[in-house]
Amino acid sequence: MGALLRREGLGSSQVTLWRRQYHQGVLQALRDDQRGRKPLHDPRDRELDRLRRENARLTQKLKQAETIIEIQKKVAALLGNPIETSESLEKPC
């Protein structure tokens, strides 16, 4: 044990201090009870990334649909058959 302490540059008093802290429970927070390989990423992070990508995709799809609807309204107005929107239907006469 003495050779190991000398090689690592530690004194026996440091080992004594660590033992005392261990028995008092001070080092309990540093102990990892789960065995095996640790996950690289939290599963919630992957789910969050997936939801963000889906949100961006759906937002782009919505913009495209709104653009198509606006073009259809303009074409209908040019042809003399204007499309009534829900906003114009809700206004009292």
PDB file of N, CA and C in Angstrom:
ATOM      1  N   MET A   1       0.829  -1.184   0.000  1.00  0.00           N
ATOM      2  CA  MET A   1       0.000   0.000   0.000  1.00  0.00           C
ATOM      3  C   MET A   1       0.873   1.247   0.000  1.00  0.00           C
ATOM      4  N   GLY A   2       1.977   1.179   0.728  1.00  0.00           N
ATOM      5  CA  GLY A   2       2.874   2.327   0.783  1.00  0.00           C
ATOM      6  C   GLY A   2       3.432   2.680  -0.583  1.00  0.00           C
ATOM      7  N   ALA A   3       3.751   1.670  -1.400  1.00  0.00           N
ATOM      8  CA  ALA A   3       4.284   1.921  -2.742  1.00  0.00           C
ATOM      9  C   ALA A   3       3.228   2.607  -3.612  1.00  0.00           C
ATOM     10  N   LEU A   4       1.994   2.173  -3.489  1.00  0.00           N
ATOM     11  CA  LEU A   4       0.913   2.786  -4.251  1.00  0.00           C
ATOM     12  C   LEU A   4       0.731   4.246  -3.854  1.00  0.00           C
ATOM     13  N   LEU A   5       0.749   4.541  -2.553  1.00  0.00           N
ATOM     14  CA  LEU A   5       0.588   5.917  -2.083  1.00  0.00           C
ATOM     15  C   LEU A   5       1.736   6.785  -2.580  1.00  0.00           C
ATOM     16  N   ARG A   6       2.966   6.260  -2.539  1.00  0.00           N
ATOM     17  CA  ARG A   6       4.113   7.041  -3.024  1.00  0.00           C
ATOM     18  C   ARG A   6       3.999   7.293  -4.521  1.00  0.00           C
ATOM     19  N   ARG A   7       3.590   6.263  -5.267  1.00  0.00           N
ATOM     20  CA  ARG A   7       3.467   6.403  -6.719  1.00  0.00           C
ATOM     21  C   ARG A   7       2.426   7.469  -7.079  1.00  0.00           C
ATOM     22  N   GLU A   8       1.331   7.528  -6.338  1.00  0.00           N
ATOM     23  CA  GLU A   8       0.262   8.491  -6.614  1.00  0.00           C
ATOM     24  C   GLU A   8       0.494   9.825  -5.923  1.00  0.00           C
ATOM     25  N   GLY A   9       1.542   9.927  -5.119  1.00  0.00           N
ATOM     26  CA  GLY A   9       1.848  11.189  -4.456  1.00  0.00           C
ATOM     27  C   GLY A   9       0.911  11.502  -3.306  1.00  0.00           C
ATOM     28  N   LEU A  10       0.414  10.466  -2.632  1.00  0.00           N
ATOM     29  CA  LEU A  10      -0.520  10.665  -1.530  1.00  0.00           C
ATOM     30  C   LEU A  10       0.143  10.263  -0.217  1.00  0.00           C
ATOM     31  N   GLY A  11      -0.322  10.880   0.835  1.00  0.00           N
ATOM     32  CA  GLY A  11       0.143  10.506   2.160  1.00  0.00           C
ATOM     33  C   GLY A  11      -0.881   9.634   2.857  1.00  0.00           C
ATOM     34  N   SER A  12      -0.450   8.927   3.860  1.00  0.00           N
ATOM     35  CA  SER A  12      -1.373   8.044   4.573  1.00  0.00           C
ATOM     36  C   SER A  12      -2.447   8.847   5.298  1.00  0.00           C
ATOM     37  N   SER A  13      -2.131  10.092   5.652  1.00  0.00           N
ATOM     38  CA  SER A  13      -3.140  10.924   6.312  1.00  0.00           C
ATOM     39  C   SER A  13      -4.313  11.230   5.377  1.00  0.00           C
ATOM     40  N   GLN A  14      -4.032  11.342   4.085  1.00  0.00           N
ATOM     41  CA  GLN A  14      -5.107  11.602   3.120  1.00  0.00           C
ATOM     42  C   GLN A  14      -6.039  10.407   3.044  1.00  0.00           C
ATOM     43  N   VAL A  15      -5.483   9.193   3.049  1.00  0.00           N
ATOM     44  CA  VAL A  15      -6.302   7.979   3.024  1.00  0.00           C
ATOM     45  C   VAL A  15      -7.140   7.882   4.295  1.00  0.00           C
ATOM     46  N   THR A  16      -6.544   8.231   5.425  1.00  0.00           N
ATOM     47  CA  THR A  16      -7.274   8.220   6.691  1.00  0.00           C
ATOM     48  C   THR A  16      -8.443   9.201   6.644  1.00  0.00           C
ATOM     49  N   LEU A  17      -8.195  10.387   6.079  1.00  0.00           N
ATOM     50  CA  LEU A  17      -9.253  11.392   5.947  1.00  0.00           C
ATOM     51  C   LEU A  17     -10.385  10.868   5.060  1.00  0.00           C
ATOM     52  N   TRP A  18     -10.044  10.233   3.940  1.00  0.00           N
ATOM     53  CA  TRP A  18     -11.065   9.693   3.044  1.00  0.00           C
ATOM     54  C   TRP A  18     -11.883   8.607   3.732  1.00  0.00           C
ATOM     55  N   ARG A  19     -11.239   7.746   4.503  1.00  0.00           N
ATOM     56  CA  ARG A  19     -11.962   6.688   5.223  1.00  0.00           C
ATOM     57  C   ARG A  19     -12.942   7.292   6.220  1.00  0.00           C
ATOM     58  N   ARG A  20     -12.492   8.314   6.957  1.00  0.00           N
ATOM     59  CA  ARG A  20     -13.350   8.968   7.941  1.00  0.00           C
ATOM     60  C   ARG A  20     -14.553   9.599   7.243  1.00  0.00           C
ATOM     61  N   GLN A  21     -14.319  10.279   6.104  1.00  0.00           N
ATOM     62  CA  GLN A  21     -15.415  10.902   5.359  1.00  0.00           C
ATOM     63  C   GLN A  21     -16.376   9.842   4.831  1.00  0.00           C
ATOM     64  N   TYR A  22     -15.836   8.728   4.381  1.00  0.00           N
ATOM     65  CA  TYR A  22     -16.682   7.655   3.864  1.00  0.00           C
ATOM     66  C   TYR A  22     -17.599   7.116   4.961  1.00  0.00           C
ATOM     67  N   HIS A  23     -17.044   6.886   6.120  1.00  0.00           N
ATOM     68  CA  HIS A  23     -17.845   6.346   7.221  1.00  0.00           C
ATOM     69  C   HIS A  23     -18.875   7.355   7.726  1.00  0.00           C
ATOM     70  N   GLN A  24     -18.586   8.651   7.578  1.00  0.00           N
ATOM     71  CA  GLN A  24     -19.542   9.684   7.984  1.00  0.00           C
ATOM     72  C   GLN A  24     -20.621   9.897   6.920  1.00  0.00           C
ATOM     73  N   GLY A  25     -20.424   9.343   5.748  1.00  0.00           N
ATOM     74  CA  GLY A  25     -21.405   9.495   4.677  1.00  0.00           C
ATOM     75  C   GLY A  25     -21.175  10.706   3.805  1.00  0.00           C
ATOM     76  N   VAL A  26     -20.062  11.392   3.987  1.00  0.00           N
ATOM     77  CA  VAL A  26     -19.780  12.598   3.205  1.00  0.00           C
ATOM     78  C   VAL A  26     -19.595  12.247   1.734  1.00  0.00           C
ATOM     79  N   LEU A  27     -18.992  11.124   1.443  1.00  0.00           N
ATOM     80  CA  LEU A  27     -18.703  10.743   0.058  1.00  0.00           C
ATOM     81  C   LEU A  27     -19.864  10.003  -0.603  1.00  0.00           C
ATOM     82  N   GLN A  28     -20.985   9.881   0.089  1.00  0.00           N
ATOM     83  CA  GLN A  28     -22.143   9.165  -0.434  1.00  0.00           C
ATOM     84  C   GLN A  28     -22.643   9.775  -1.747  1.00  0.00           C
ATOM     85  N   ALA A  29     -22.606  11.082  -1.868  1.00  0.00           N
ATOM     86  CA  ALA A  29     -23.112  11.743  -3.071  1.00  0.00           C
ATOM     87  C   ALA A  29     -22.244  11.434  -4.287  1.00  0.00           C
ATOM     88  N   LEU A  30     -21.014  11.059  -4.087  1.00  0.00           N
ATOM     89  CA  LEU A  30     -20.121  10.774  -5.204  1.00  0.00           C
ATOM     90  C   LEU A  30     -20.248   9.343  -5.708  1.00  0.00           C
ATOM     91  N   ARG A  31     -20.920   8.498  -4.966  1.00  0.00           N
ATOM     92  CA  ARG A  31     -21.026   7.097  -5.340  1.00  0.00           C
ATOM     93  C   ARG A  31     -22.090   6.912  -6.415  1.00  0.00           C
ATOM     94  N   ASP A  32     -21.768   6.102  -7.390  1.00  0.00           N
ATOM     95  CA  ASP A  32     -22.699   5.806  -8.471  1.00  0.00           C
ATOM     96  C   ASP A  32     -23.172   4.367  -8.292  1.00  0.00           C
ATOM     97  N   ASP A  33     -24.438   4.176  -7.959  1.00  0.00           N
ATOM     98  CA  ASP A  33     -24.960   2.847  -7.676  1.00  0.00           C
ATOM     99  C   ASP A  33     -25.328   2.071  -8.925  1.00  0.00           C
ATOM    100  N   GLN A  34     -25.521   2.767 -10.030  1.00  0.00           N
ATOM    101  CA  GLN A  34     -25.928   2.061 -11.242  1.00  0.00           C
ATOM    102  C   GLN A  34     -24.707   1.465 -11.923  1.00  0.00           C
ATOM    103  N   ARG A  35     -24.802   0.187 -12.218  1.00  0.00           N
ATOM    104  CA  ARG A  35     -23.701  -0.497 -12.862  1.00  0.00           C
ATOM    105  C   ARG A  35     -23.924  -0.517 -14.366  1.00  0.00           C
ATOM    106  N   GLY A  36     -22.857  -0.756 -15.091  1.00  0.00           N
ATOM    107  CA  GLY A  36     -22.966  -0.886 -16.539  1.00  0.00           C
ATOM    108  C   GLY A  36     -22.673   0.412 -17.251  1.00  0.00           C
ATOM    109  N   ARG A  37     -22.822   0.352 -18.549  1.00  0.00           N
ATOM    110  CA  ARG A  37     -22.531   1.502 -19.390  1.00  0.00           C
ATOM    111  C   ARG A  37     -23.550   2.608 -19.152  1.00  0.00           C
ATOM    112  N   LYS A  38     -23.063   3.800 -19.014  1.00  0.00           N
ATOM    113  CA  LYS A  38     -23.930   4.950 -18.789  1.00  0.00           C
ATOM    114  C   LYS A  38     -24.478   5.453 -20.125  1.00  0.00           C
ATOM    115  N   PRO A  39     -25.715   5.896 -20.165  1.00  0.00           N
ATOM    116  CA  PRO A  39     -26.261   6.414 -21.426  1.00  0.00           C
ATOM    117  C   PRO A  39     -25.526   7.685 -21.832  1.00  0.00           C
ATOM    118  N   LEU A  40     -25.276   7.797 -23.130  1.00  0.00           N
ATOM    119  CA  LEU A  40     -24.585   8.975 -23.632  1.00  0.00           C
ATOM    120  C   LEU A  40     -25.484  10.202 -23.587  1.00  0.00           C
ATOM    121  N   HIS A  41     -26.766  10.004 -23.857  1.00  0.00           N
ATOM    122  CA  HIS A  41     -27.718  11.115 -23.860  1.00  0.00           C
ATOM    123  C   HIS A  41     -28.946  10.706 -23.060  1.00  0.00           C
ATOM    124  N   ASP A  42     -29.556  11.683 -22.503  1.00  0.00           N
ATOM    125  CA  ASP A  42     -30.799  11.454 -21.774  1.00  0.00           C
ATOM    126  C   ASP A  42     -31.903  11.177 -22.807  1.00  0.00           C
ATOM    127  N   PRO A  43     -32.737  10.167 -22.603  1.00  0.00           N
ATOM    128  CA  PRO A  43     -33.820   9.881 -23.569  1.00  0.00           C
ATOM    129  C   PRO A  43     -34.746  11.077 -23.764  1.00  0.00           C
ATOM    130  N   ARG A  44     -34.886  11.911 -22.735  1.00  0.00           N
ATOM    131  CA  ARG A  44     -35.743  13.098 -22.886  1.00  0.00           C
ATOM    132  C   ARG A  44     -35.148  14.080 -23.888  1.00  0.00           C
ATOM    133  N   ASP A  45     -33.810  14.136 -23.967  1.00  0.00           N
ATOM    134  CA  ASP A  45     -33.174  15.020 -24.944  1.00  0.00           C
ATOM    135  C   ASP A  45     -33.473  14.573 -26.366  1.00  0.00           C
ATOM    136  N   ARG A  46     -33.423  13.247 -26.589  1.00  0.00           N
ATOM    137  CA  ARG A  46     -33.749  12.730 -27.925  1.00  0.00           C
ATOM    138  C   ARG A  46     -35.196  13.024 -28.284  1.00  0.00           C
ATOM    139  N   GLU A  47     -36.096  12.849 -27.325  1.00  0.00           N
ATOM    140  CA  GLU A  47     -37.516  13.126 -27.574  1.00  0.00           C
ATOM    141  C   GLU A  47     -37.730  14.609 -27.865  1.00  0.00           C
ATOM    142  N   LEU A  48     -37.044  15.463 -27.119  1.00  0.00           N
ATOM    143  CA  LEU A  48     -37.148  16.903 -27.337  1.00  0.00           C
ATOM    144  C   LEU A  48     -36.646  17.284 -28.729  1.00  0.00           C
ATOM    145  N   ASP A  49     -35.527  16.707 -29.155  1.00  0.00           N
ATOM    146  CA  ASP A  49     -35.007  16.978 -30.500  1.00  0.00           C
ATOM    147  C   ASP A  49     -35.991  16.518 -31.567  1.00  0.00           C
ATOM    148  N   ARG A  50     -36.580  15.334 -31.360  1.00  0.00           N
ATOM    149  CA  ARG A  50     -37.549  14.814 -32.327  1.00  0.00           C
ATOM    150  C   ARG A  50     -38.762  15.733 -32.431  1.00  0.00           C
ATOM    151  N   LEU A  51     -39.246  16.213 -31.287  1.00  0.00           N
ATOM    152  CA  LEU A  51     -40.411  17.100 -31.289  1.00  0.00           C
ATOM    153  C   LEU A  51     -40.088  18.444 -31.924  1.00  0.00           C
ATOM    154  N   ARG A  52     -38.880  18.931 -31.714  1.00  0.00           N
ATOM    155  CA  ARG A  52     -38.491  20.202 -32.350  1.00  0.00           C
ATOM    156  C   ARG A  52     -38.434  20.051 -33.867  1.00  0.00           C
ATOM    157  N   ARG A  53     -37.865  18.932 -34.341  1.00  0.00           N
ATOM    158  CA  ARG A  53     -37.813  18.700 -35.794  1.00  0.00           C
ATOM    159  C   ARG A  53     -39.217  18.580 -36.373  1.00  0.00           C
ATOM    160  N   GLU A  54     -40.096  17.866 -35.661  1.00  0.00           N
ATOM    161  CA  GLU A  54     -41.472  17.713 -36.131  1.00  0.00           C
ATOM    162  C   GLU A  54     -42.196  19.056 -36.149  1.00  0.00           C
ATOM    163  N   ASN A  55     -41.968  19.870 -35.132  1.00  0.00           N
ATOM    164  CA  ASN A  55     -42.580  21.199 -35.069  1.00  0.00           C
ATOM    165  C   ASN A  55     -42.112  22.053 -36.244  1.00  0.00           C
ATOM    166  N   ALA A  56     -40.813  22.027 -36.545  1.00  0.00           N
ATOM    167  CA  ALA A  56     -40.285  22.807 -37.669  1.00  0.00           C
ATOM    168  C   ALA A  56     -40.879  22.321 -38.986  1.00  0.00           C
ATOM    169  N   ARG A  57     -41.007  20.993 -39.143  1.00  0.00           N
ATOM    170  CA  ARG A  57     -41.570  20.429 -40.365  1.00  0.00           C
ATOM    171  C   ARG A  57     -43.030  20.837 -40.537  1.00  0.00           C
ATOM    172  N   LEU A  58     -43.792  20.762 -39.454  1.00  0.00           N
ATOM    173  CA  LEU A  58     -45.210  21.114 -39.532  1.00  0.00           C
ATOM    174  C   LEU A  58     -45.416  22.617 -39.742  1.00  0.00           C
ATOM    175  N   THR A  59     -44.536  23.416 -39.154  1.00  0.00           N
ATOM    176  CA  THR A  59     -44.617  24.867 -39.370  1.00  0.00           C
ATOM    177  C   THR A  59     -44.375  25.203 -40.833  1.00  0.00           C
ATOM    178  N   GLN A  60     -43.386  24.550 -41.443  1.00  0.00           N
ATOM    179  CA  GLN A  60     -43.107  24.767 -42.863  1.00  0.00           C
ATOM    180  C   GLN A  60     -44.282  24.319 -43.720  1.00  0.00           C
ATOM    181  N   LYS A  61     -44.876  23.200 -43.356  1.00  0.00           N
ATOM    182  CA  LYS A  61     -46.020  22.685 -44.105  1.00  0.00           C
ATOM    183  C   LYS A  61     -47.211  23.642 -44.001  1.00  0.00           C
ATOM    184  N   LEU A  62     -47.426  24.226 -42.828  1.00  0.00           N
ATOM    185  CA  LEU A  62     -48.509  25.188 -42.630  1.00  0.00           C
ATOM    186  C   LEU A  62     -48.288  26.439 -43.476  1.00  0.00           C
ATOM    187  N   LYS A  63     -47.060  26.937 -43.508  1.00  0.00           N
ATOM    188  CA  LYS A  63     -46.763  28.112 -44.339  1.00  0.00           C
ATOM    189  C   LYS A  63     -47.058  27.828 -45.806  1.00  0.00           C
ATOM    190  N   GLN A  64     -46.680  26.628 -46.255  1.00  0.00           N
ATOM    191  CA  GLN A  64     -46.922  26.254 -47.641  1.00  0.00           C
ATOM    192  C   GLN A  64     -48.421  26.190 -47.918  1.00  0.00           C
ATOM    193  N   ALA A  65     -49.199  25.602 -47.008  1.00  0.00           N
ATOM    194  CA  ALA A  65     -50.644  25.499 -47.195  1.00  0.00           C
ATOM    195  C   ALA A  65     -51.288  26.884 -47.219  1.00  0.00           C
ATOM    196  N   GLU A  66     -50.842  27.784 -46.334  1.00  0.00           N
ATOM    197  CA  GLU A  66     -51.395  29.143 -46.315  1.00  0.00           C
ATOM    198  C   GLU A  66     -51.076  29.882 -47.603  1.00  0.00           C
ATOM    199  N   THR A  67     -49.887  29.677 -48.146  1.00  0.00           N
ATOM    200  CA  THR A  67     -49.516  30.311 -49.416  1.00  0.00           C
ATOM    201  C   THR A  67     -50.398  29.805 -50.542  1.00  0.00           C
ATOM    202  N   ILE A  68     -50.639  28.508 -50.575  1.00  0.00           N
ATOM    203  CA  ILE A  68     -51.497  27.930 -51.617  1.00  0.00           C
ATOM    204  C   ILE A  68     -52.912  28.477 -51.519  1.00  0.00           C
ATOM    205  N   ILE A  69     -53.431  28.599 -50.315  1.00  0.00           N
ATOM    206  CA  ILE A  69     -54.787  29.130 -50.115  1.00  0.00           C
ATOM    207  C   ILE A  69     -54.869  30.578 -50.585  1.00  0.00           C
ATOM    208  N   GLU A  70     -53.842  31.375 -50.277  1.00  0.00           N
ATOM    209  CA  GLU A  70     -53.840  32.780 -50.718  1.00  0.00           C
ATOM    210  C   GLU A  70     -53.819  32.870 -52.239  1.00  0.00           C
ATOM    211  N   ILE A  71     -53.047  32.011 -52.881  1.00  0.00           N
ATOM    212  CA  ILE A  71     -52.992  32.007 -54.345  1.00  0.00           C
ATOM    213  C   ILE A  71     -54.350  31.608 -54.917  1.00  0.00           C
ATOM    214  N   GLN A  72     -54.993  30.611 -54.322  1.00  0.00           N
ATOM    215  CA  GLN A  72     -56.313  30.188 -54.792  1.00  0.00           C
ATOM    216  C   GLN A  72     -57.329  31.316 -54.645  1.00  0.00           C
ATOM    217  N   LYS A  73     -57.256  32.074 -53.568  1.00  0.00           N
ATOM    218  CA  LYS A  73     -58.175  33.204 -53.377  1.00  0.00           C
ATOM    219  C   LYS A  73     -57.959  34.261 -54.455  1.00  0.00           C
ATOM    220  N   LYS A  74     -56.690  34.551 -54.768  1.00  0.00           N
ATOM    221  CA  LYS A  74     -56.388  35.572 -55.774  1.00  0.00           C
ATOM    222  C   LYS A  74     -56.843  35.123 -57.160  1.00  0.00           C
ATOM    223  N   VAL A  75     -56.617  33.844 -57.480  1.00  0.00           N
ATOM    224  CA  VAL A  75     -57.045  33.329 -58.781  1.00  0.00           C
ATOM    225  C   VAL A  75     -58.570  33.374 -58.879  1.00  0.00           C
ATOM    226  N   ALA A  76     -59.247  32.988 -57.820  1.00  0.00           N
ATOM    227  CA  ALA A  76     -60.711  33.014 -57.829  1.00  0.00           C
ATOM    228  C   ALA A  76     -61.221  34.442 -57.988  1.00  0.00           C
ATOM    229  N   ALA A  77     -60.563  35.399 -57.335  1.00  0.00           N
ATOM    230  CA  ALA A  77     -60.982  36.803 -57.462  1.00  0.00           C
ATOM    231  C   ALA A  77     -60.750  37.302 -58.885  1.00  0.00           C
ATOM    232  N   LEU A  78     -59.646  36.892 -59.517  1.00  0.00           N
ATOM    233  CA  LEU A  78     -59.374  37.303 -60.897  1.00  0.00           C
ATOM    234  C   LEU A  78     -60.392  36.719 -61.871  1.00  0.00           C
ATOM    235  N   LEU A  79     -60.865  35.528 -61.573  1.00  0.00           N
ATOM    236  CA  LEU A  79     -61.850  34.881 -62.442  1.00  0.00           C
ATOM    237  C   LEU A  79     -63.274  35.356 -62.155  1.00  0.00           C
ATOM    238  N   GLY A  80     -63.438  36.233 -61.184  1.00  0.00           N
ATOM    239  CA  GLY A  80     -64.753  36.789 -60.884  1.00  0.00           C
ATOM    240  C   GLY A  80     -65.565  35.922 -59.942  1.00  0.00           C
ATOM    241  N   ASN A  81     -64.949  34.992 -59.263  1.00  0.00           N
ATOM    242  CA  ASN A  81     -65.651  34.121 -58.336  1.00  0.00           C
ATOM    243  C   ASN A  81     -64.912  34.159 -56.988  1.00  0.00           C
ATOM    244  N   PRO A  82     -65.020  35.291 -56.273  1.00  0.00           N
ATOM    245  CA  PRO A  82     -64.245  35.406 -55.023  1.00  0.00           C
ATOM    246  C   PRO A  82     -64.680  34.377 -53.980  1.00  0.00           C
ATOM    247  N   ILE A  83     -63.689  33.887 -53.269  1.00  0.00           N
ATOM    248  CA  ILE A  83     -63.937  32.907 -52.215  1.00  0.00           C
ATOM    249  C   ILE A  83     -64.167  33.666 -50.915  1.00  0.00           C
ATOM    250  N   GLU A  84     -65.272  33.344 -50.267  1.00  0.00           N
ATOM    251  CA  GLU A  84     -65.565  33.999 -48.995  1.00  0.00           C
ATOM    252  C   GLU A  84     -64.783  33.315 -47.890  1.00  0.00           C
ATOM    253  N   THR A  85     -64.130  34.118 -47.075  1.00  0.00           N
ATOM    254  CA  THR A  85     -63.377  33.559 -45.957  1.00  0.00           C
ATOM    255  C   THR A  85     -64.253  33.523 -44.720  1.00  0.00           C
ATOM    256  N   SER A  86     -63.817  32.832 -43.729  1.00  0.00           N
ATOM    257  CA  SER A  86     -64.593  32.749 -42.488  1.00  0.00           C
ATOM    258  C   SER A  86     -64.677  34.117 -41.822  1.00  0.00           C
ATOM    259  N   GLU A  87     -63.668  34.976 -42.050  1.00  0.00           N
ATOM    260  CA  GLU A  87     -63.703  36.329 -41.471  1.00  0.00           C
ATOM    261  C   GLU A  87     -64.821  37.159 -42.091  1.00  0.00           C
ATOM    262  N   SER A  88     -65.015  37.044 -43.405  1.00  0.00           N
ATOM    263  CA  SER A  88     -66.066  37.829 -44.054  1.00  0.00           C
ATOM    264  C   SER A  88     -67.451  37.273 -43.745  1.00  0.00           C
ATOM    265  N   LEU A  89     -67.525  35.985 -43.437  1.00  0.00           N
ATOM    266  CA  LEU A  89     -68.820  35.390 -43.095  1.00  0.00           C
ATOM    267  C   LEU A  89     -69.251  35.786 -41.690  1.00  0.00           C
ATOM    268  N   GLU A  90     -68.301  36.054 -40.794  1.00  0.00           N
ATOM    269  CA  GLU A  90     -68.629  36.390 -39.427  1.00  0.00           C
ATOM    270  C   GLU A  90     -69.064  37.834 -39.241  1.00  0.00           C
ATOM    271  N   LYS A  91     -68.730  38.719 -40.184  1.00  0.00           N
ATOM    272  CA  LYS A  91     -69.088  40.150 -40.083  1.00  0.00           C
ATOM    273  C   LYS A  91     -70.591  40.320 -40.300  1.00  0.00           C
ATOM    274  N   PRO A  92     -71.266  41.050 -39.393  1.00  0.00           N
ATOM    275  CA  PRO A  92     -72.711  41.309 -39.607  1.00  0.00           C
ATOM    276  C   PRO A  92     -72.899  42.326 -40.721  1.00  0.00           C
ATOM    277  N   CYS A  93     -73.987  42.192 -41.444  1.00  0.00           N
ATOM    278  CA  CYS A  93     -74.294  43.104 -42.568  1.00  0.00           C
ATOM    279  C   CYS A  93     -74.971  44.347 -42.114  1.00  0.00           C
TER     280      CYS A  93
END
